[in-house]
Amino acid sequence: MEIAQRYSIAYKGLKSGPHDFDFAVDAELFQAFESAEISNGNCHVSVHLERAEQRMTLEVQITGDVTVACDRCLEDCSMPIDYTGCLTVEITDTPGEYDGEVMWILPAEDTLDLSQYIYESIVLSLPYQRVHPDGGCDPEMLKRFRIVSEEEFAAVEAESQERSSETISEDQQKLLASLRDKLVAETCNNSKEP
């Protein structure tokens, strides 16, 4: 089954008023969008749709877990998802551009495809830093990185930046010395000529 069909609502036959829909999200959604961040997931999507003549208002709730790479040890890490959002759908002959809050569809369309909205909502609800809880990281990977605390990481970063600035300074000094030597050689050659 195509992803667009799995996460679509056939709104044409709906009467004005409230309607509820449920969807199950799994790895297929993330594969369809070629997600580099999320490798798997198991989420439940509840949609409360309020239908009007030329507009629909959707209250969307997404709960579950997705699998991402841990920022610290690079192993798979389960992240909880708890998203609540509202989407307005305008039915009009002159659609605007989808901006994440308002979706525009033509009156000739029979279904409302929520796959992109669901995918984006899950991705945007992920925390900025994605790490295992304390003690959950792969100890072998941490040994390879030889970083076990934030303080050590900060110290390694500071040392790396200091080394790169020293390297730049040394390189600049070598360049200046070679330019000086060329200038001196040219000056000596010019002074010997009559």
N, C-alpha and C. Protein backbone atom coordinates (compact mmCIF):
# COMPACT_ATOMS: atom_id res chain seq x y z
N MET A 1 0.84 -1.18 0.00
CA MET A 1 0.00 0.00 0.00
C MET A 1 0.88 1.25 0.00
N GLU A 2 0.55 2.19 -0.84
CA GLU A 2 1.33 3.42 -0.94
C GLU A 2 1.14 4.24 0.34
N ILE A 3 2.22 4.89 0.76
CA ILE A 3 2.20 5.66 2.01
C ILE A 3 1.10 6.71 2.00
N ALA A 4 0.93 7.41 0.89
CA ALA A 4 -0.09 8.46 0.81
C ALA A 4 -1.48 7.90 1.11
N GLN A 5 -1.74 6.68 0.69
CA GLN A 5 -3.06 6.07 0.94
C GLN A 5 -3.21 5.67 2.40
N ARG A 6 -2.12 5.20 3.02
CA ARG A 6 -2.19 4.76 4.42
C ARG A 6 -2.55 5.90 5.36
N TYR A 7 -2.11 7.10 5.02
CA TYR A 7 -2.29 8.25 5.92
C TYR A 7 -3.20 9.30 5.30
N SER A 8 -4.20 8.84 4.56
CA SER A 8 -5.14 9.76 3.91
C SER A 8 -6.53 9.64 4.53
N ILE A 9 -7.25 10.74 4.45
CA ILE A 9 -8.64 10.79 4.91
C ILE A 9 -9.50 11.13 3.70
N ALA A 10 -10.49 10.29 3.43
CA ALA A 10 -11.44 10.56 2.34
C ALA A 10 -12.47 11.54 2.90
N TYR A 11 -12.21 12.81 2.71
CA TYR A 11 -13.03 13.84 3.36
C TYR A 11 -14.30 14.18 2.57
N LYS A 12 -14.35 13.87 1.28
CA LYS A 12 -15.49 14.27 0.44
C LYS A 12 -16.82 13.78 1.00
N GLY A 13 -16.88 12.57 1.49
CA GLY A 13 -18.13 12.01 1.99
C GLY A 13 -18.46 12.37 3.42
N LEU A 14 -17.60 13.13 4.07
CA LEU A 14 -17.83 13.47 5.48
C LEU A 14 -18.84 14.60 5.61
N LYS A 15 -19.76 14.42 6.54
CA LYS A 15 -20.73 15.49 6.83
C LYS A 15 -20.05 16.53 7.71
N SER A 16 -20.62 17.71 7.73
CA SER A 16 -20.09 18.76 8.62
C SER A 16 -20.18 18.28 10.05
N GLY A 17 -19.15 18.62 10.82
CA GLY A 17 -19.11 18.20 12.22
C GLY A 17 -17.84 17.45 12.54
N PRO A 18 -17.81 16.84 13.74
CA PRO A 18 -16.59 16.16 14.19
C PRO A 18 -16.46 14.73 13.66
N HIS A 19 -15.21 14.34 13.41
CA HIS A 19 -14.88 12.99 12.97
C HIS A 19 -13.53 12.62 13.56
N ASP A 20 -13.36 11.35 13.91
CA ASP A 20 -12.10 10.89 14.50
C ASP A 20 -11.47 9.80 13.64
N PHE A 21 -10.13 9.86 13.53
CA PHE A 21 -9.37 8.90 12.74
C PHE A 21 -8.13 8.48 13.52
N ASP A 22 -7.70 7.25 13.30
CA ASP A 22 -6.49 6.74 13.94
C ASP A 22 -5.58 6.12 12.87
N PHE A 23 -4.28 6.33 13.04
CA PHE A 23 -3.29 5.77 12.13
C PHE A 23 -2.15 5.16 12.95
N ALA A 24 -1.55 4.11 12.42
CA ALA A 24 -0.37 3.50 13.03
C ALA A 24 0.84 3.85 12.17
N VAL A 25 1.88 4.35 12.81
CA VAL A 25 3.11 4.72 12.09
C VAL A 25 4.17 3.66 12.38
N ASP A 26 4.83 3.20 11.32
CA ASP A 26 5.93 2.25 11.46
C ASP A 26 7.08 2.67 10.56
N ALA A 27 8.04 1.80 10.39
CA ALA A 27 9.26 2.12 9.63
C ALA A 27 8.97 2.52 8.19
N GLU A 28 7.87 2.05 7.61
CA GLU A 28 7.57 2.35 6.21
C GLU A 28 7.43 3.85 5.95
N LEU A 29 6.87 4.58 6.90
CA LEU A 29 6.73 6.03 6.71
C LEU A 29 8.10 6.68 6.61
N PHE A 30 9.02 6.31 7.47
CA PHE A 30 10.35 6.92 7.48
C PHE A 30 11.16 6.49 6.25
N GLN A 31 10.94 5.28 5.79
CA GLN A 31 11.60 4.81 4.56
C GLN A 31 11.07 5.56 3.35
N ALA A 32 9.76 5.82 3.33
CA ALA A 32 9.16 6.52 2.19
C ALA A 32 9.72 7.93 2.06
N PHE A 33 10.02 8.57 3.18
CA PHE A 33 10.59 9.92 3.15
C PHE A 33 12.12 9.89 3.18
N GLU A 34 12.69 8.70 3.06
CA GLU A 34 14.14 8.52 3.04
C GLU A 34 14.81 9.24 4.20
N SER A 35 14.25 9.00 5.39
CA SER A 35 14.75 9.66 6.59
C SER A 35 16.14 9.17 6.96
N ALA A 36 17.05 10.12 7.11
CA ALA A 36 18.40 9.80 7.56
C ALA A 36 18.46 9.80 9.08
N GLU A 37 17.48 10.43 9.71
CA GLU A 37 17.49 10.57 11.17
C GLU A 37 16.82 9.40 11.87
N ILE A 38 15.69 8.95 11.35
CA ILE A 38 14.87 7.94 12.02
C ILE A 38 14.95 6.63 11.24
N SER A 39 15.37 5.56 11.92
CA SER A 39 15.49 4.27 11.25
C SER A 39 14.26 3.39 11.45
N ASN A 40 13.51 3.63 12.51
CA ASN A 40 12.33 2.81 12.80
C ASN A 40 11.42 3.60 13.73
N GLY A 41 10.22 3.11 13.89
CA GLY A 41 9.30 3.79 14.78
C GLY A 41 8.03 3.01 14.99
N ASN A 42 7.39 3.31 16.09
CA ASN A 42 6.11 2.70 16.42
C ASN A 42 5.29 3.78 17.12
N CYS A 43 4.44 4.45 16.36
CA CYS A 43 3.67 5.57 16.91
C CYS A 43 2.19 5.40 16.59
N HIS A 44 1.39 6.03 17.41
CA HIS A 44 -0.05 6.06 17.19
C HIS A 44 -0.45 7.51 16.92
N VAL A 45 -1.23 7.71 15.86
CA VAL A 45 -1.68 9.05 15.49
C VAL A 45 -3.19 9.12 15.65
N SER A 46 -3.66 10.06 16.46
CA SER A 46 -5.09 10.31 16.62
C SER A 46 -5.41 11.65 15.98
N VAL A 47 -6.42 11.66 15.11
CA VAL A 47 -6.81 12.89 14.43
C VAL A 47 -8.27 13.16 14.74
N HIS A 48 -8.52 14.33 15.31
CA HIS A 48 -9.90 14.80 15.52
C HIS A 48 -10.14 15.87 14.47
N LEU A 49 -11.03 15.58 13.53
CA LEU A 49 -11.28 16.47 12.40
C LEU A 49 -12.63 17.14 12.57
N GLU A 50 -12.65 18.44 12.43
CA GLU A 50 -13.89 19.22 12.47
C GLU A 50 -14.13 19.71 11.05
N ARG A 51 -15.17 19.16 10.41
CA ARG A 51 -15.45 19.45 9.00
C ARG A 51 -16.41 20.61 8.89
N ALA A 52 -16.10 21.57 8.01
CA ALA A 52 -16.99 22.68 7.65
C ALA A 52 -17.08 22.70 6.13
N GLU A 53 -17.80 23.65 5.59
CA GLU A 53 -18.03 23.71 4.14
C GLU A 53 -16.72 23.77 3.34
N GLN A 54 -15.90 24.77 3.58
CA GLN A 54 -14.67 24.96 2.81
C GLN A 54 -13.40 24.88 3.68
N ARG A 55 -13.53 24.30 4.86
CA ARG A 55 -12.40 24.25 5.78
C ARG A 55 -12.52 23.03 6.69
N MET A 56 -11.37 22.52 7.05
CA MET A 56 -11.31 21.46 8.06
C MET A 56 -10.25 21.86 9.08
N THR A 57 -10.55 21.60 10.33
CA THR A 57 -9.59 21.83 11.39
C THR A 57 -9.26 20.48 12.00
N LEU A 58 -7.97 20.17 12.06
CA LEU A 58 -7.53 18.89 12.58
C LEU A 58 -6.71 19.09 13.84
N GLU A 59 -7.08 18.39 14.88
CA GLU A 59 -6.26 18.32 16.09
C GLU A 59 -5.56 16.98 16.03
N VAL A 60 -4.24 17.01 16.01
CA VAL A 60 -3.44 15.80 15.81
C VAL A 60 -2.62 15.51 17.06
N GLN A 61 -2.69 14.26 17.50
CA GLN A 61 -1.85 13.83 18.62
C GLN A 61 -1.07 12.60 18.18
N ILE A 62 0.24 12.64 18.39
CA ILE A 62 1.12 11.54 18.02
C ILE A 62 1.89 11.10 19.26
N THR A 63 1.79 9.82 19.59
CA THR A 63 2.52 9.27 20.72
C THR A 63 3.21 7.98 20.29
N GLY A 64 4.33 7.68 20.91
CA GLY A 64 5.04 6.45 20.61
C GLY A 64 6.53 6.62 20.77
N ASP A 65 7.28 5.80 20.04
CA ASP A 65 8.74 5.81 20.11
C ASP A 65 9.30 5.69 18.70
N VAL A 66 10.45 6.33 18.48
CA VAL A 66 11.18 6.18 17.22
C VAL A 66 12.63 5.83 17.55
N THR A 67 13.29 5.20 16.59
CA THR A 67 14.68 4.80 16.76
C THR A 67 15.58 5.73 15.97
N VAL A 68 16.53 6.34 16.68
CA VAL A 68 17.51 7.24 16.06
C VAL A 68 18.90 6.82 16.52
N ALA A 69 19.92 7.36 15.90
CA ALA A 69 21.30 7.09 16.33
C ALA A 69 21.62 7.99 17.52
N CYS A 70 22.19 7.40 18.55
CA CYS A 70 22.60 8.16 19.73
C CYS A 70 23.73 9.11 19.33
N ASP A 71 23.62 10.37 19.73
CA ASP A 71 24.64 11.37 19.40
C ASP A 71 25.97 11.08 20.10
N ARG A 72 25.93 10.32 21.17
CA ARG A 72 27.15 10.07 21.94
C ARG A 72 27.86 8.80 21.49
N CYS A 73 27.12 7.68 21.34
CA CYS A 73 27.79 6.40 21.03
C CYS A 73 27.44 5.85 19.65
N LEU A 74 26.52 6.49 18.94
CA LEU A 74 26.12 6.14 17.58
C LEU A 74 25.30 4.85 17.49
N GLU A 75 24.96 4.23 18.61
CA GLU A 75 24.12 3.03 18.61
C GLU A 75 22.66 3.46 18.53
N ASP A 76 21.78 2.52 18.14
CA ASP A 76 20.35 2.82 18.09
C ASP A 76 19.86 3.23 19.47
N CYS A 77 19.00 4.23 19.46
CA CYS A 77 18.49 4.80 20.71
C CYS A 77 17.00 5.08 20.51
N SER A 78 16.19 4.67 21.47
CA SER A 78 14.75 4.89 21.38
C SER A 78 14.40 6.25 22.00
N MET A 79 13.68 7.06 21.23
CA MET A 79 13.26 8.38 21.70
C MET A 79 11.73 8.42 21.77
N PRO A 80 11.19 8.88 22.90
CA PRO A 80 9.73 8.99 22.99
C PRO A 80 9.22 10.16 22.16
N ILE A 81 8.04 9.98 21.59
CA ILE A 81 7.38 11.03 20.82
C ILE A 81 6.07 11.35 21.50
N ASP A 82 5.85 12.62 21.76
CA ASP A 82 4.58 13.08 22.32
C ASP A 82 4.30 14.44 21.69
N TYR A 83 3.51 14.43 20.63
CA TYR A 83 3.26 15.64 19.84
C TYR A 83 1.77 15.94 19.84
N THR A 84 1.43 17.20 19.99
CA THR A 84 0.07 17.67 19.83
C THR A 84 0.12 18.91 18.97
N GLY A 85 -0.68 18.92 17.91
CA GLY A 85 -0.67 20.06 17.00
C GLY A 85 -2.01 20.25 16.33
N CYS A 86 -2.13 21.39 15.67
CA CYS A 86 -3.37 21.74 14.99
C CYS A 86 -3.03 22.08 13.54
N LEU A 87 -3.84 21.57 12.63
CA LEU A 87 -3.64 21.82 11.21
C LEU A 87 -4.96 22.30 10.63
N THR A 88 -4.92 23.40 9.91
CA THR A 88 -6.10 23.92 9.21
C THR A 88 -5.96 23.56 7.74
N VAL A 89 -7.04 23.04 7.18
CA VAL A 89 -7.05 22.67 5.76
C VAL A 89 -8.09 23.53 5.07
N GLU A 90 -7.63 24.33 4.12
CA GLU A 90 -8.52 25.19 3.33
C GLU A 90 -8.81 24.50 2.00
N ILE A 91 -10.10 24.44 1.64
CA ILE A 91 -10.52 23.86 0.37
C ILE A 91 -10.87 25.02 -0.55
N THR A 92 -10.02 25.25 -1.56
CA THR A 92 -10.18 26.43 -2.41
C THR A 92 -9.61 26.18 -3.80
N ASP A 93 -10.10 26.97 -4.76
CA ASP A 93 -9.59 26.88 -6.14
C ASP A 93 -8.23 27.57 -6.29
N THR A 94 -7.88 28.43 -5.36
CA THR A 94 -6.59 29.14 -5.42
C THR A 94 -5.75 28.76 -4.20
N PRO A 95 -5.13 27.60 -4.26
CA PRO A 95 -4.37 27.14 -3.09
C PRO A 95 -3.11 27.94 -2.85
N GLY A 96 -2.77 28.07 -1.59
CA GLY A 96 -1.51 28.70 -1.19
C GLY A 96 -0.48 27.61 -0.98
N GLU A 97 0.65 27.99 -0.45
CA GLU A 97 1.73 27.04 -0.21
C GLU A 97 1.62 26.47 1.20
N TYR A 98 1.82 25.17 1.33
CA TYR A 98 1.78 24.50 2.63
C TYR A 98 2.89 25.05 3.52
N ASP A 99 2.53 25.48 4.73
CA ASP A 99 3.53 26.06 5.62
C ASP A 99 3.65 25.33 6.95
N GLY A 100 3.02 24.17 7.06
CA GLY A 100 3.10 23.41 8.31
C GLY A 100 1.91 23.66 9.22
N GLU A 101 1.22 24.78 9.03
CA GLU A 101 0.05 25.09 9.85
C GLU A 101 -1.23 25.14 9.04
N VAL A 102 -1.11 25.54 7.78
CA VAL A 102 -2.27 25.60 6.88
C VAL A 102 -1.94 24.80 5.62
N MET A 103 -2.84 23.89 5.28
CA MET A 103 -2.69 23.10 4.07
C MET A 103 -3.83 23.49 3.13
N TRP A 104 -3.51 23.63 1.88
CA TRP A 104 -4.50 24.03 0.88
C TRP A 104 -4.74 22.87 -0.07
N ILE A 105 -6.02 22.56 -0.34
CA ILE A 105 -6.33 21.53 -1.31
C ILE A 105 -7.42 22.02 -2.26
N LEU A 106 -7.41 21.46 -3.45
CA LEU A 106 -8.40 21.83 -4.46
C LEU A 106 -9.71 21.10 -4.19
N PRO A 107 -10.85 21.70 -4.54
CA PRO A 107 -12.15 21.04 -4.33
C PRO A 107 -12.27 19.72 -5.09
N ALA A 108 -11.51 19.56 -6.17
CA ALA A 108 -11.58 18.32 -6.96
C ALA A 108 -10.89 17.14 -6.27
N GLU A 109 -10.05 17.42 -5.28
CA GLU A 109 -9.35 16.34 -4.57
C GLU A 109 -10.32 15.64 -3.63
N ASP A 110 -10.23 14.29 -3.62
CA ASP A 110 -11.14 13.49 -2.80
C ASP A 110 -10.59 13.18 -1.42
N THR A 111 -9.26 13.19 -1.33
CA THR A 111 -8.64 12.77 -0.07
C THR A 111 -7.65 13.82 0.44
N LEU A 112 -7.42 13.73 1.72
CA LEU A 112 -6.46 14.60 2.39
C LEU A 112 -5.29 13.73 2.83
N ASP A 113 -4.11 13.94 2.24
CA ASP A 113 -2.92 13.15 2.54
C ASP A 113 -2.18 13.79 3.71
N LEU A 114 -2.10 13.07 4.83
CA LEU A 114 -1.44 13.58 6.03
C LEU A 114 -0.04 13.01 6.23
N SER A 115 0.46 12.22 5.29
CA SER A 115 1.75 11.55 5.50
C SER A 115 2.89 12.54 5.75
N GLN A 116 2.98 13.60 4.96
CA GLN A 116 4.06 14.57 5.14
C GLN A 116 3.90 15.30 6.47
N TYR A 117 2.68 15.68 6.81
CA TYR A 117 2.44 16.38 8.08
C TYR A 117 2.84 15.50 9.26
N ILE A 118 2.46 14.23 9.22
CA ILE A 118 2.79 13.30 10.31
C ILE A 118 4.30 13.13 10.40
N TYR A 119 4.95 12.90 9.28
CA TYR A 119 6.41 12.71 9.26
C TYR A 119 7.12 13.95 9.83
N GLU A 120 6.78 15.12 9.34
CA GLU A 120 7.43 16.35 9.80
C GLU A 120 7.17 16.60 11.28
N SER A 121 5.97 16.30 11.74
CA SER A 121 5.63 16.51 13.15
C SER A 121 6.47 15.61 14.05
N ILE A 122 6.69 14.37 13.62
CA ILE A 122 7.52 13.45 14.40
C ILE A 122 8.96 13.94 14.42
N VAL A 123 9.50 14.28 13.27
CA VAL A 123 10.89 14.73 13.19
C VAL A 123 11.10 15.99 14.03
N LEU A 124 10.17 16.93 13.93
CA LEU A 124 10.32 18.19 14.66
C LEU A 124 10.10 18.05 16.16
N SER A 125 9.48 16.96 16.59
CA SER A 125 9.26 16.77 18.02
C SER A 125 10.42 16.02 18.69
N LEU A 126 11.40 15.60 17.89
CA LEU A 126 12.58 14.95 18.48
C LEU A 126 13.39 15.98 19.27
N PRO A 127 14.00 15.55 20.36
CA PRO A 127 14.85 16.48 21.11
C PRO A 127 16.08 16.86 20.30
N TYR A 128 16.65 18.00 20.60
CA TYR A 128 17.84 18.48 19.89
C TYR A 128 19.01 17.52 20.11
N GLN A 129 19.19 17.10 21.36
CA GLN A 129 20.26 16.16 21.67
C GLN A 129 19.64 14.79 21.89
N ARG A 130 20.07 13.82 21.11
CA ARG A 130 19.48 12.48 21.14
C ARG A 130 20.50 11.51 21.70
N VAL A 131 20.39 11.24 22.98
CA VAL A 131 21.34 10.35 23.65
C VAL A 131 20.60 9.36 24.54
N HIS A 132 21.27 8.23 24.80
CA HIS A 132 20.74 7.25 25.74
C HIS A 132 20.65 7.89 27.12
N PRO A 133 19.76 7.39 27.96
CA PRO A 133 19.79 7.84 29.35
C PRO A 133 21.13 7.46 29.97
N ASP A 134 21.49 8.10 31.08
CA ASP A 134 22.78 7.83 31.73
C ASP A 134 23.01 6.33 31.88
N GLY A 135 24.19 5.90 31.46
CA GLY A 135 24.56 4.50 31.57
C GLY A 135 24.06 3.63 30.43
N GLY A 136 23.33 4.19 29.48
CA GLY A 136 22.77 3.40 28.39
C GLY A 136 23.63 3.32 27.15
N CYS A 137 24.67 4.12 27.09
CA CYS A 137 25.53 4.14 25.89
C CYS A 137 26.43 2.91 25.86
N ASP A 138 26.82 2.53 24.66
CA ASP A 138 27.71 1.40 24.43
C ASP A 138 29.09 1.73 24.99
N PRO A 139 29.55 1.00 26.02
CA PRO A 139 30.84 1.34 26.64
C PRO A 139 32.02 1.18 25.69
N GLU A 140 31.94 0.24 24.75
CA GLU A 140 33.03 0.06 23.78
C GLU A 140 33.18 1.29 22.90
N MET A 141 32.06 1.84 22.46
CA MET A 141 32.13 3.05 21.63
C MET A 141 32.66 4.23 22.44
N LEU A 142 32.25 4.34 23.68
CA LEU A 142 32.75 5.43 24.52
C LEU A 142 34.26 5.30 24.73
N LYS A 143 34.75 4.05 24.85
CA LYS A 143 36.20 3.85 24.98
C LYS A 143 36.91 4.32 23.72
N ARG A 144 36.32 4.01 22.57
CA ARG A 144 36.93 4.43 21.31
C ARG A 144 37.02 5.95 21.22
N PHE A 145 35.99 6.61 21.70
CA PHE A 145 35.99 8.07 21.67
C PHE A 145 36.81 8.64 22.82
N ARG A 146 36.99 7.85 23.85
CA ARG A 146 37.72 8.25 25.05
C ARG A 146 37.15 9.51 25.68
N ILE A 147 35.88 9.66 25.54
CA ILE A 147 35.20 10.80 26.16
C ILE A 147 34.07 10.22 26.99
N VAL A 148 34.08 10.50 28.26
CA VAL A 148 33.04 9.94 29.11
C VAL A 148 32.23 11.01 29.83
N SER A 149 32.65 12.24 29.76
CA SER A 149 31.88 13.29 30.43
C SER A 149 31.89 14.56 29.59
N GLU A 150 30.97 15.44 29.90
CA GLU A 150 30.88 16.72 29.19
C GLU A 150 32.14 17.56 29.41
N GLU A 151 32.71 17.49 30.62
CA GLU A 151 33.91 18.26 30.92
C GLU A 151 35.08 17.81 30.05
N GLU A 152 35.23 16.48 29.91
CA GLU A 152 36.31 15.96 29.07
C GLU A 152 36.10 16.36 27.62
N PHE A 153 34.85 16.30 27.17
CA PHE A 153 34.55 16.70 25.80
C PHE A 153 34.92 18.16 25.57
N ALA A 154 34.55 19.02 26.52
CA ALA A 154 34.87 20.45 26.41
C ALA A 154 36.39 20.66 26.39
N ALA A 155 37.11 19.90 27.20
CA ALA A 155 38.57 20.03 27.24
C ALA A 155 39.18 19.59 25.91
N VAL A 156 38.68 18.50 25.33
CA VAL A 156 39.19 18.02 24.05
C VAL A 156 38.90 19.04 22.96
N GLU A 157 37.70 19.61 22.96
CA GLU A 157 37.33 20.63 21.97
C GLU A 157 38.24 21.85 22.08
N ALA A 158 38.48 22.31 23.31
CA ALA A 158 39.33 23.49 23.52
C ALA A 158 40.75 23.22 23.04
N GLU A 159 41.27 22.04 23.34
CA GLU A 159 42.62 21.68 22.90
C GLU A 159 42.69 21.61 21.37
N SER A 160 41.67 21.06 20.76
CA SER A 160 41.63 20.95 19.30
C SER A 160 41.60 22.33 18.65
N GLN A 161 40.81 23.24 19.19
CA GLN A 161 40.74 24.59 18.65
C GLN A 161 42.07 25.32 18.84
N GLU A 162 42.68 25.13 19.99
CA GLU A 162 43.97 25.77 20.26
C GLU A 162 45.03 25.26 19.29
N ARG A 163 45.03 23.93 19.05
CA ARG A 163 45.99 23.34 18.13
C ARG A 163 45.78 23.86 16.71
N SER A 164 44.53 23.98 16.30
CA SER A 164 44.27 24.46 14.93
C SER A 164 44.68 25.92 14.78
N SER A 165 44.49 26.73 15.82
CA SER A 165 44.91 28.13 15.72
C SER A 165 46.43 28.24 15.72
N GLU A 166 47.13 27.34 16.47
CA GLU A 166 48.59 27.33 16.45
C GLU A 166 49.09 26.91 15.07
N THR A 167 48.44 25.91 14.49
CA THR A 167 48.83 25.43 13.16
C THR A 167 48.66 26.53 12.14
N ILE A 168 47.59 27.24 12.22
CA ILE A 168 47.37 28.35 11.29
C ILE A 168 48.46 29.39 11.48
N SER A 169 48.79 29.71 12.70
CA SER A 169 49.84 30.70 12.95
C SER A 169 51.18 30.24 12.41
N GLU A 170 51.53 28.98 12.62
CA GLU A 170 52.80 28.45 12.11
C GLU A 170 52.82 28.48 10.59
N ASP A 171 51.71 28.09 9.97
CA ASP A 171 51.63 28.12 8.51
C ASP A 171 51.77 29.55 7.99
N GLN A 172 51.13 30.48 8.66
CA GLN A 172 51.23 31.87 8.24
C GLN A 172 52.66 32.38 8.39
N GLN A 173 53.33 31.98 9.47
CA GLN A 173 54.71 32.39 9.67
C GLN A 173 55.61 31.84 8.58
N LYS A 174 55.42 30.59 8.20
CA LYS A 174 56.22 29.99 7.13
C LYS A 174 55.99 30.72 5.81
N LEU A 175 54.74 31.06 5.53
CA LEU A 175 54.41 31.78 4.31
C LEU A 175 55.07 33.16 4.30
N LEU A 176 54.99 33.87 5.41
CA LEU A 176 55.62 35.18 5.51
C LEU A 176 57.14 35.09 5.35
N ALA A 177 57.74 34.07 5.94
CA ALA A 177 59.19 33.90 5.83
C ALA A 177 59.60 33.66 4.38
N SER A 178 58.83 32.83 3.67
CA SER A 178 59.18 32.56 2.26
C SER A 178 58.97 33.81 1.41
N LEU A 179 57.94 34.59 1.68
CA LEU A 179 57.73 35.84 0.95
C LEU A 179 58.86 36.83 1.22
N ARG A 180 59.29 36.90 2.48
CA ARG A 180 60.39 37.79 2.85
C ARG A 180 61.67 37.39 2.12
N ASP A 181 61.95 36.08 2.08
CA ASP A 181 63.15 35.60 1.39
C ASP A 181 63.10 35.95 -0.09
N LYS A 182 61.93 35.79 -0.72
CA LYS A 182 61.79 36.13 -2.14
C LYS A 182 62.02 37.62 -2.36
N LEU A 183 61.46 38.44 -1.48
CA LEU A 183 61.61 39.88 -1.59
C LEU A 183 63.07 40.29 -1.43
N VAL A 184 63.75 39.71 -0.48
CA VAL A 184 65.17 40.02 -0.26
C VAL A 184 65.98 39.60 -1.47
N ALA A 185 65.69 38.42 -2.01
CA ALA A 185 66.42 37.93 -3.19
C ALA A 185 66.20 38.85 -4.38
N GLU A 186 64.96 39.29 -4.59
CA GLU A 186 64.66 40.20 -5.70
C GLU A 186 65.35 41.54 -5.50
N THR A 187 65.36 42.04 -4.29
CA THR A 187 65.99 43.31 -3.99
C THR A 187 67.50 43.22 -4.24
N CYS A 188 68.10 42.13 -3.82
CA CYS A 188 69.54 41.94 -4.04
C CYS A 188 69.85 41.85 -5.52
N ASN A 189 69.03 41.15 -6.28
CA ASN A 189 69.24 41.02 -7.72
C ASN A 189 69.07 42.37 -8.41
N ASN A 190 68.10 43.16 -7.99
CA ASN A 190 67.86 44.47 -8.60
C ASN A 190 68.99 45.45 -8.28
N SER A 191 69.57 45.36 -7.10
CA SER A 191 70.65 46.29 -6.74
C SER A 191 71.95 45.96 -7.46
N LYS A 192 72.13 44.72 -7.91
CA LYS A 192 73.34 44.33 -8.63
C LYS A 192 73.29 44.75 -10.08
N GLU A 193 72.09 44.92 -10.62
CA GLU A 193 71.96 45.32 -12.03
C GLU A 193 72.30 46.80 -12.17
N PRO A 194 73.01 47.20 -13.31
CA PRO A 194 73.40 48.61 -13.51
C PRO A 194 72.25 49.49 -13.85
